[in-house]
Amino acid sequence: MSLLLPMLLFLGFYPGQNTQEQNGNLSPPLITALPGSLVPPKQPVTILCRGPKQAEAYRITRVGSPEPQEREANTVAFPELSPDLVGPYHCSYKIGEDWSPLSNLLYLVMTEAYEKPSLSSMTGTVVASGENVKLQCFSKVNFEAFILIKNNGSHTFQEQSSTPQGRGAQAIFLLSQVSSAQAGTYRCCGVFNQGPFLWSQPSNQVQLQVKEATDPDATESEHPT
């Protein structure tokens, strides 16, 4: 089963349960996490809800949890991240008697819950623009899925169900017809379906370089030794 399927079913069910009065004339706030949404265990993290200066109160809510009391501060600080705090969050602000629409979802993830997998490129780390790239994530732990993250999670990640490989599990991530936008540093993490916000320690880094096809050096892809 895909890791994201139960998450999507859960998240898709929740928005209709919101009971606060919303004003369509108010713009939704932005929600972020400082220093980031991928947090090692027992490390501090702060959730920030960015609304207009006129905002009088805020609500920062973990999806599926009881609705909290409104508060003047637009932040919630956790001195130490623990498994019971991970998951999707959203927020809203109040002006007068009206509440704004809900923000985008912020996924708070605890990393380093399990030992790290390994990541390697099956097609080389220097490729020409337009080529396909295959990244292999492997672990001796029988994870049910693997997550591919780029630039320490600051960019969109991919999820892939695992398949048996020897005495472990693996996932092959395909980056089709890459361009300079796909260049960067990649890592992968292992997860289990019942704990989609508890990730393993990130793998080793794979630095992917994408050269324009007109560059003669790009015709010879560099493969790891």
C-alpha atoms as a PDB file:
ATOM      1  CA  MET A   1       0.000   0.000   0.000  1.00  0.00           C
ATOM      2  CA  SER A   2       1.214   3.489  -0.810  1.00  0.00           C
ATOM      3  CA  LEU A   3       2.344   5.587   2.121  1.00  0.00           C
ATOM      4  CA  LEU A   4       0.463   8.631   0.831  1.00  0.00           C
ATOM      5  CA  LEU A   5      -2.920   6.936   0.324  1.00  0.00           C
ATOM      6  CA  PRO A   6      -3.945   6.819   4.011  1.00  0.00           C
ATOM      7  CA  MET A   7      -2.569  10.345   4.450  1.00  0.00           C
ATOM      8  CA  LEU A   8      -4.630  11.699   1.547  1.00  0.00           C
ATOM      9  CA  LEU A   9      -7.792   9.965   2.740  1.00  0.00           C
ATOM     10  CA  PHE A  10      -7.271  11.379   6.220  1.00  0.00           C
ATOM     11  CA  LEU A  11      -6.472  14.891   5.062  1.00  0.00           C
ATOM     12  CA  GLY A  12      -9.286  14.928   2.530  1.00  0.00           C
ATOM     13  CA  PHE A  13     -11.808  14.095   5.236  1.00  0.00           C
ATOM     14  CA  TYR A  14     -10.871  16.842   7.637  1.00  0.00           C
ATOM     15  CA  PRO A  15     -11.541  20.213   5.905  1.00  0.00           C
ATOM     16  CA  GLY A  16     -15.316  19.721   5.953  1.00  0.00           C
ATOM     17  CA  GLN A  17     -15.213  19.423   9.733  1.00  0.00           C
ATOM     18  CA  ASN A  18     -14.041  22.978  10.313  1.00  0.00           C
ATOM     19  CA  THR A  19     -16.746  24.842  12.247  1.00  0.00           C
ATOM     20  CA  GLN A  20     -15.288  28.334  12.652  1.00  0.00           C
ATOM     21  CA  GLU A  21     -16.977  31.183  10.766  1.00  0.00           C
ATOM     22  CA  GLN A  22     -14.850  32.101   7.762  1.00  0.00           C
ATOM     23  CA  ASN A  23     -14.845  35.322   5.770  1.00  0.00           C
ATOM     24  CA  GLY A  24     -14.156  34.873   2.083  1.00  0.00           C
ATOM     25  CA  ASN A  25     -12.837  38.447   1.904  1.00  0.00           C
ATOM     26  CA  LEU A  26      -9.848  37.537   4.074  1.00  0.00           C
ATOM     27  CA  SER A  27      -6.823  35.932   2.485  1.00  0.00           C
ATOM     28  CA  PRO A  28      -5.459  32.703   3.999  1.00  0.00           C
ATOM     29  CA  PRO A  29      -2.283  32.973   6.077  1.00  0.00           C
ATOM     30  CA  LEU A  30       0.992  31.190   5.390  1.00  0.00           C
ATOM     31  CA  ILE A  31       2.306  28.568   7.801  1.00  0.00           C
ATOM     32  CA  THR A  32       5.981  27.675   8.155  1.00  0.00           C
ATOM     33  CA  ALA A  33       8.280  25.885  10.587  1.00  0.00           C
ATOM     34  CA  LEU A  34      11.529  27.263  11.975  1.00  0.00           C
ATOM     35  CA  PRO A  35      14.230  26.138  11.437  1.00  0.00           C
ATOM     36  CA  GLY A  36      12.405  23.686   9.141  1.00  0.00           C
ATOM     37  CA  SER A  37       9.713  21.014   8.962  1.00  0.00           C
ATOM     38  CA  LEU A  38      12.143  18.050   9.044  1.00  0.00           C
ATOM     39  CA  VAL A  39      13.298  17.901  12.662  1.00  0.00           C
ATOM     40  CA  PRO A  40      15.504  15.398  14.544  1.00  0.00           C
ATOM     41  CA  PRO A  41      14.053  14.009  17.801  1.00  0.00           C
ATOM     42  CA  LYS A  42      14.276  16.152  20.932  1.00  0.00           C
ATOM     43  CA  GLN A  43      15.200  19.232  18.893  1.00  0.00           C
ATOM     44  CA  PRO A  44      13.216  22.491  19.132  1.00  0.00           C
ATOM     45  CA  VAL A  45      10.862  23.677  16.410  1.00  0.00           C
ATOM     46  CA  THR A  46       8.559  26.676  16.130  1.00  0.00           C
ATOM     47  CA  ILE A  47       5.444  26.853  13.962  1.00  0.00           C
ATOM     48  CA  LEU A  48       4.792  30.344  12.591  1.00  0.00           C
ATOM     49  CA  CYS A  49       1.470  31.570  11.181  1.00  0.00           C
ATOM     50  CA  ARG A  50       1.953  34.624   8.952  1.00  0.00           C
ATOM     51  CA  GLY A  51      -1.129  36.834   8.807  1.00  0.00           C
ATOM     52  CA  PRO A  52      -1.704  40.573   8.194  1.00  0.00           C
ATOM     53  CA  LYS A  53      -0.820  43.236  10.744  1.00  0.00           C
ATOM     54  CA  GLN A  54      -4.516  43.718  11.521  1.00  0.00           C
ATOM     55  CA  ALA A  55      -4.867  40.148  12.808  1.00  0.00           C
ATOM     56  CA  GLU A  56      -6.142  40.093  16.396  1.00  0.00           C
ATOM     57  CA  ALA A  57      -5.890  36.386  17.184  1.00  0.00           C
ATOM     58  CA  TYR A  58      -4.588  33.125  15.752  1.00  0.00           C
ATOM     59  CA  ARG A  59      -5.294  29.407  15.847  1.00  0.00           C
ATOM     60  CA  ILE A  60      -2.564  26.895  15.021  1.00  0.00           C
ATOM     61  CA  THR A  61      -3.990  23.389  14.822  1.00  0.00           C
ATOM     62  CA  ARG A  62      -2.691  19.903  14.208  1.00  0.00           C
ATOM     63  CA  VAL A  63      -5.123  18.210  11.823  1.00  0.00           C
ATOM     64  CA  GLY A  64      -7.347  15.783  13.704  1.00  0.00           C
ATOM     65  CA  SER A  65      -6.665  17.338  17.114  1.00  0.00           C
ATOM     66  CA  PRO A  66      -9.223  19.316  19.144  1.00  0.00           C
ATOM     67  CA  GLU A  67      -9.440  22.931  18.039  1.00  0.00           C
ATOM     68  CA  PRO A  68      -7.226  25.069  20.304  1.00  0.00           C
ATOM     69  CA  GLN A  69      -8.201  28.295  21.991  1.00  0.00           C
ATOM     70  CA  GLU A  70      -7.487  31.460  20.031  1.00  0.00           C
ATOM     71  CA  ARG A  71      -4.277  33.221  20.998  1.00  0.00           C
ATOM     72  CA  GLU A  72      -2.654  36.586  20.366  1.00  0.00           C
ATOM     73  CA  ALA A  73       0.723  35.082  19.462  1.00  0.00           C
ATOM     74  CA  ASN A  74       1.173  33.767  15.930  1.00  0.00           C
ATOM     75  CA  THR A  75       3.674  31.094  16.965  1.00  0.00           C
ATOM     76  CA  VAL A  76       3.689  27.763  18.776  1.00  0.00           C
ATOM     77  CA  ALA A  77       7.064  26.614  20.101  1.00  0.00           C
ATOM     78  CA  PHE A  78       7.927  23.016  20.920  1.00  0.00           C
ATOM     79  CA  PRO A  79      11.119  22.784  23.030  1.00  0.00           C
ATOM     80  CA  GLU A  80      11.575  19.136  21.981  1.00  0.00           C
ATOM     81  CA  LEU A  81       9.911  17.385  19.068  1.00  0.00           C
ATOM     82  CA  SER A  82       8.352  14.034  19.978  1.00  0.00           C
ATOM     83  CA  PRO A  83       6.308  11.487  17.985  1.00  0.00           C
ATOM     84  CA  ASP A  84       3.014  12.738  19.411  1.00  0.00           C
ATOM     85  CA  LEU A  85       3.607  16.197  17.902  1.00  0.00           C
ATOM     86  CA  VAL A  86       4.300  15.214  14.293  1.00  0.00           C
ATOM     87  CA  GLY A  87       1.756  15.422  11.480  1.00  0.00           C
ATOM     88  CA  PRO A  88      -0.043  18.029   9.362  1.00  0.00           C
ATOM     89  CA  TYR A  89      -0.740  21.498  10.766  1.00  0.00           C
ATOM     90  CA  HIS A  90      -2.681  24.480   9.511  1.00  0.00           C
ATOM     91  CA  CYS A  91      -3.602  27.873  10.940  1.00  0.00           C
ATOM     92  CA  SER A  92      -5.985  30.813  10.631  1.00  0.00           C
ATOM     93  CA  TYR A  93      -6.284  34.346  11.983  1.00  0.00           C
ATOM     94  CA  LYS A  94      -9.128  36.516  13.223  1.00  0.00           C
ATOM     95  CA  ILE A  95     -10.060  40.109  12.386  1.00  0.00           C
ATOM     96  CA  GLY A  96     -13.093  41.411  14.257  1.00  0.00           C
ATOM     97  CA  GLU A  97     -15.556  38.527  14.389  1.00  0.00           C
ATOM     98  CA  ASP A  98     -14.337  36.871  11.203  1.00  0.00           C
ATOM     99  CA  TRP A  99     -11.837  34.062  10.778  1.00  0.00           C
ATOM    100  CA  SER A 100      -9.696  33.717   7.692  1.00  0.00           C
ATOM    101  CA  PRO A 101      -9.668  30.623   5.479  1.00  0.00           C
ATOM    102  CA  LEU A 102      -7.265  27.932   6.617  1.00  0.00           C
ATOM    103  CA  SER A 103      -3.645  28.131   5.548  1.00  0.00           C
ATOM    104  CA  ASN A 104      -1.824  25.623   3.413  1.00  0.00           C
ATOM    105  CA  LEU A 105      -0.829  22.421   5.213  1.00  0.00           C
ATOM    106  CA  LEU A 106       2.520  22.161   6.970  1.00  0.00           C
ATOM    107  CA  TYR A 107       3.828  18.619   7.475  1.00  0.00           C
ATOM    108  CA  LEU A 108       5.925  18.370  10.638  1.00  0.00           C
ATOM    109  CA  VAL A 109       8.189  15.317  10.353  1.00  0.00           C
ATOM    110  CA  MET A 110      10.542  13.747  12.887  1.00  0.00           C
ATOM    111  CA  THR A 111      13.658  12.343  11.263  1.00  0.00           C
ATOM    112  CA  GLU A 112      16.282   9.925  12.622  1.00  0.00           C
ATOM    113  CA  ALA A 113      13.636   7.581  14.024  1.00  0.00           C
ATOM    114  CA  TYR A 114      15.444   4.618  12.407  1.00  0.00           C
ATOM    115  CA  GLU A 115      18.884   3.862  10.986  1.00  0.00           C
ATOM    116  CA  LYS A 116      19.692   5.473   7.664  1.00  0.00           C
ATOM    117  CA  PRO A 117      19.402   3.791   4.247  1.00  0.00           C
ATOM    118  CA  SER A 118      21.909   4.234   1.420  1.00  0.00           C
ATOM    119  CA  LEU A 119      21.367   6.172  -1.806  1.00  0.00           C
ATOM    120  CA  SER A 120      23.202   5.699  -5.103  1.00  0.00           C
ATOM    121  CA  SER A 121      22.752   6.703  -8.729  1.00  0.00           C
ATOM    122  CA  MET A 122      22.337   3.866 -11.213  1.00  0.00           C
ATOM    123  CA  THR A 123      22.918   6.217 -14.149  1.00  0.00           C
ATOM    124  CA  GLY A 124      25.769   8.406 -12.946  1.00  0.00           C
ATOM    125  CA  THR A 125      25.892  11.708 -11.127  1.00  0.00           C
ATOM    126  CA  VAL A 126      26.717  13.923 -14.124  1.00  0.00           C
ATOM    127  CA  VAL A 127      24.154  13.648 -16.919  1.00  0.00           C
ATOM    128  CA  ALA A 128      23.050  15.575 -19.977  1.00  0.00           C
ATOM    129  CA  SER A 129      19.841  17.573 -19.973  1.00  0.00           C
ATOM    130  CA  GLY A 130      16.978  15.422 -21.230  1.00  0.00           C
ATOM    131  CA  GLU A 131      18.357  12.120 -19.945  1.00  0.00           C
ATOM    132  CA  ASN A 132      16.610   9.890 -17.400  1.00  0.00           C
ATOM    133  CA  VAL A 133      18.151   9.363 -13.962  1.00  0.00           C
ATOM    134  CA  LYS A 134      17.565   6.404 -11.648  1.00  0.00           C
ATOM    135  CA  LEU A 135      18.324   6.730  -7.937  1.00  0.00           C
ATOM    136  CA  GLN A 136      18.356   3.586  -5.782  1.00  0.00           C
ATOM    137  CA  CYS A 137      17.501   3.795  -2.084  1.00  0.00           C
ATOM    138  CA  PHE A 138      18.341   0.609  -0.142  1.00  0.00           C
ATOM    139  CA  SER A 139      18.143  -0.458   3.494  1.00  0.00           C
ATOM    140  CA  LYS A 140      18.620  -3.637   5.482  1.00  0.00           C
ATOM    141  CA  VAL A 141      15.561  -2.496   7.433  1.00  0.00           C
ATOM    142  CA  ASN A 142      12.399  -3.672   5.672  1.00  0.00           C
ATOM    143  CA  PHE A 143      10.817  -0.253   5.312  1.00  0.00           C
ATOM    144  CA  GLU A 144       7.447  -0.216   3.564  1.00  0.00           C
ATOM    145  CA  ALA A 145       8.268   2.932   1.610  1.00  0.00           C
ATOM    146  CA  PHE A 146      11.084   5.353   0.911  1.00  0.00           C
ATOM    147  CA  ILE A 147      11.064   9.133   0.604  1.00  0.00           C
ATOM    148  CA  LEU A 148      13.392  10.981  -1.772  1.00  0.00           C
ATOM    149  CA  ILE A 149      14.187  14.498  -0.598  1.00  0.00           C
ATOM    150  CA  LYS A 150      16.116  17.255  -2.335  1.00  0.00           C
ATOM    151  CA  ASN A 151      18.236  19.958  -0.707  1.00  0.00           C
ATOM    152  CA  ASN A 152      17.500  18.833   2.871  1.00  0.00           C
ATOM    153  CA  GLY A 153      13.766  18.742   2.320  1.00  0.00           C
ATOM    154  CA  SER A 154      13.400  22.354   1.182  1.00  0.00           C
ATOM    155  CA  HIS A 155      11.994  21.068  -2.117  1.00  0.00           C
ATOM    156  CA  THR A 156       9.176  18.684  -2.957  1.00  0.00           C
ATOM    157  CA  PHE A 157       9.842  15.084  -2.054  1.00  0.00           C
ATOM    158  CA  GLN A 158       8.822  11.870  -3.803  1.00  0.00           C
ATOM    159  CA  GLU A 159       7.420   8.709  -2.210  1.00  0.00           C
ATOM    160  CA  GLN A 160       7.824   5.176  -3.520  1.00  0.00           C
ATOM    161  CA  SER A 161       6.656   1.861  -2.087  1.00  0.00           C
ATOM    162  CA  SER A 162       9.519  -0.526  -1.382  1.00  0.00           C
ATOM    163  CA  THR A 163      10.280  -3.865  -3.023  1.00  0.00           C
ATOM    164  CA  PRO A 164      12.338  -6.746  -1.563  1.00  0.00           C
ATOM    165  CA  GLN A 165      16.034  -6.657  -2.409  1.00  0.00           C
ATOM    166  CA  GLY A 166      18.287  -9.348  -0.959  1.00  0.00           C
ATOM    167  CA  ARG A 167      18.009  -9.151   2.818  1.00  0.00           C
ATOM    168  CA  GLY A 168      16.469  -5.724   2.767  1.00  0.00           C
ATOM    169  CA  ALA A 169      14.224  -3.375   0.827  1.00  0.00           C
ATOM    170  CA  GLN A 170      14.740  -0.858  -1.947  1.00  0.00           C
ATOM    171  CA  ALA A 171      12.991   1.719  -4.089  1.00  0.00           C
ATOM    172  CA  ILE A 172      14.048   3.023  -7.505  1.00  0.00           C
ATOM    173  CA  PHE A 173      13.270   6.687  -8.117  1.00  0.00           C
ATOM    174  CA  LEU A 174      13.035   7.758 -11.761  1.00  0.00           C
ATOM    175  CA  LEU A 175      13.753  11.365 -12.690  1.00  0.00           C
ATOM    176  CA  SER A 176      12.528  11.637 -16.280  1.00  0.00           C
ATOM    177  CA  GLN A 177      14.134  13.962 -18.827  1.00  0.00           C
ATOM    178  CA  VAL A 178      16.030  15.955 -16.256  1.00  0.00           C
ATOM    179  CA  SER A 179      16.844  19.633 -16.621  1.00  0.00           C
ATOM    180  CA  SER A 180      18.867  22.052 -14.536  1.00  0.00           C
ATOM    181  CA  ALA A 181      15.880  22.258 -12.167  1.00  0.00           C
ATOM    182  CA  GLN A 182      16.568  18.668 -11.060  1.00  0.00           C
ATOM    183  CA  ALA A 183      20.234  19.328 -10.274  1.00  0.00           C
ATOM    184  CA  GLY A 184      21.069  19.372  -6.581  1.00  0.00           C
ATOM    185  CA  THR A 185      21.680  17.241  -3.522  1.00  0.00           C
ATOM    186  CA  TYR A 186      19.470  14.216  -2.921  1.00  0.00           C
ATOM    187  CA  ARG A 187      18.949  11.994   0.127  1.00  0.00           C
ATOM    188  CA  CYS A 188      16.395   9.330   0.975  1.00  0.00           C
ATOM    189  CA  CYS A 189      14.626   8.195   4.140  1.00  0.00           C
ATOM    190  CA  GLY A 190      12.761   5.026   5.067  1.00  0.00           C
ATOM    191  CA  VAL A 191       9.254   5.009   6.539  1.00  0.00           C
ATOM    192  CA  PHE A 192       6.492   2.659   7.640  1.00  0.00           C
ATOM    193  CA  ASN A 193       2.867   3.122   6.546  1.00  0.00           C
ATOM    194  CA  GLN A 194       1.556   3.341  10.112  1.00  0.00           C
ATOM    195  CA  GLY A 195       3.978   6.137  10.983  1.00  0.00           C
ATOM    196  CA  PRO A 196       4.236   8.306   7.851  1.00  0.00           C
ATOM    197  CA  PHE A 197       5.633  11.286   9.771  1.00  0.00           C
ATOM    198  CA  LEU A 198       8.401   9.303  11.483  1.00  0.00           C
ATOM    199  CA  TRP A 199      11.304   9.040   9.041  1.00  0.00           C
ATOM    200  CA  SER A 200      14.643   7.311   9.282  1.00  0.00           C
ATOM    201  CA  GLN A 201      17.912   9.157   9.501  1.00  0.00           C
ATOM    202  CA  PRO A 202      18.615  10.649   6.044  1.00  0.00           C
ATOM    203  CA  SER A 203      20.906   8.638   3.774  1.00  0.00           C
ATOM    204  CA  ASN A 204      24.227   9.713   2.350  1.00  0.00           C
ATOM    205  CA  GLN A 205      24.102  12.537  -0.190  1.00  0.00           C
ATOM    206  CA  VAL A 206      24.054  12.122  -3.962  1.00  0.00           C
ATOM    207  CA  GLN A 207      25.022  15.289  -5.819  1.00  0.00           C
ATOM    208  CA  LEU A 208      23.363  15.366  -9.252  1.00  0.00           C
ATOM    209  CA  GLN A 209      24.796  17.625 -11.954  1.00  0.00           C
ATOM    210  CA  VAL A 210      22.856  18.310 -15.147  1.00  0.00           C
ATOM    211  CA  LYS A 211      24.727  19.725 -18.132  1.00  0.00           C
ATOM    212  CA  GLU A 212      23.235  21.165 -21.271  1.00  0.00           C
ATOM    213  CA  ALA A 213      23.280  18.760 -24.206  1.00  0.00           C
ATOM    214  CA  THR A 214      25.466  21.173 -26.175  1.00  0.00           C
ATOM    215  CA  ASP A 215      28.253  20.713 -23.610  1.00  0.00           C
ATOM    216  CA  PRO A 216      30.603  18.034 -25.045  1.00  0.00           C
ATOM    217  CA  ASP A 217      31.522  16.936 -21.507  1.00  0.00           C
ATOM    218  CA  ALA A 218      27.898  15.914 -20.932  1.00  0.00           C
ATOM    219  CA  THR A 219      28.110  13.098 -23.462  1.00  0.00           C
ATOM    220  CA  GLU A 220      30.167  11.061 -21.022  1.00  0.00           C
ATOM    221  CA  SER A 221      28.206  10.532 -17.822  1.00  0.00           C
ATOM    222  CA  GLU A 222      30.270  10.063 -14.720  1.00  0.00           C
ATOM    223  CA  HIS A 223      29.409   6.857 -12.882  1.00  0.00           C
ATOM    224  CA  PRO A 224      30.260   6.252  -9.219  1.00  0.00           C
ATOM    225  CA  THR A 225      33.073   3.846  -8.535  1.00  0.00           C
END
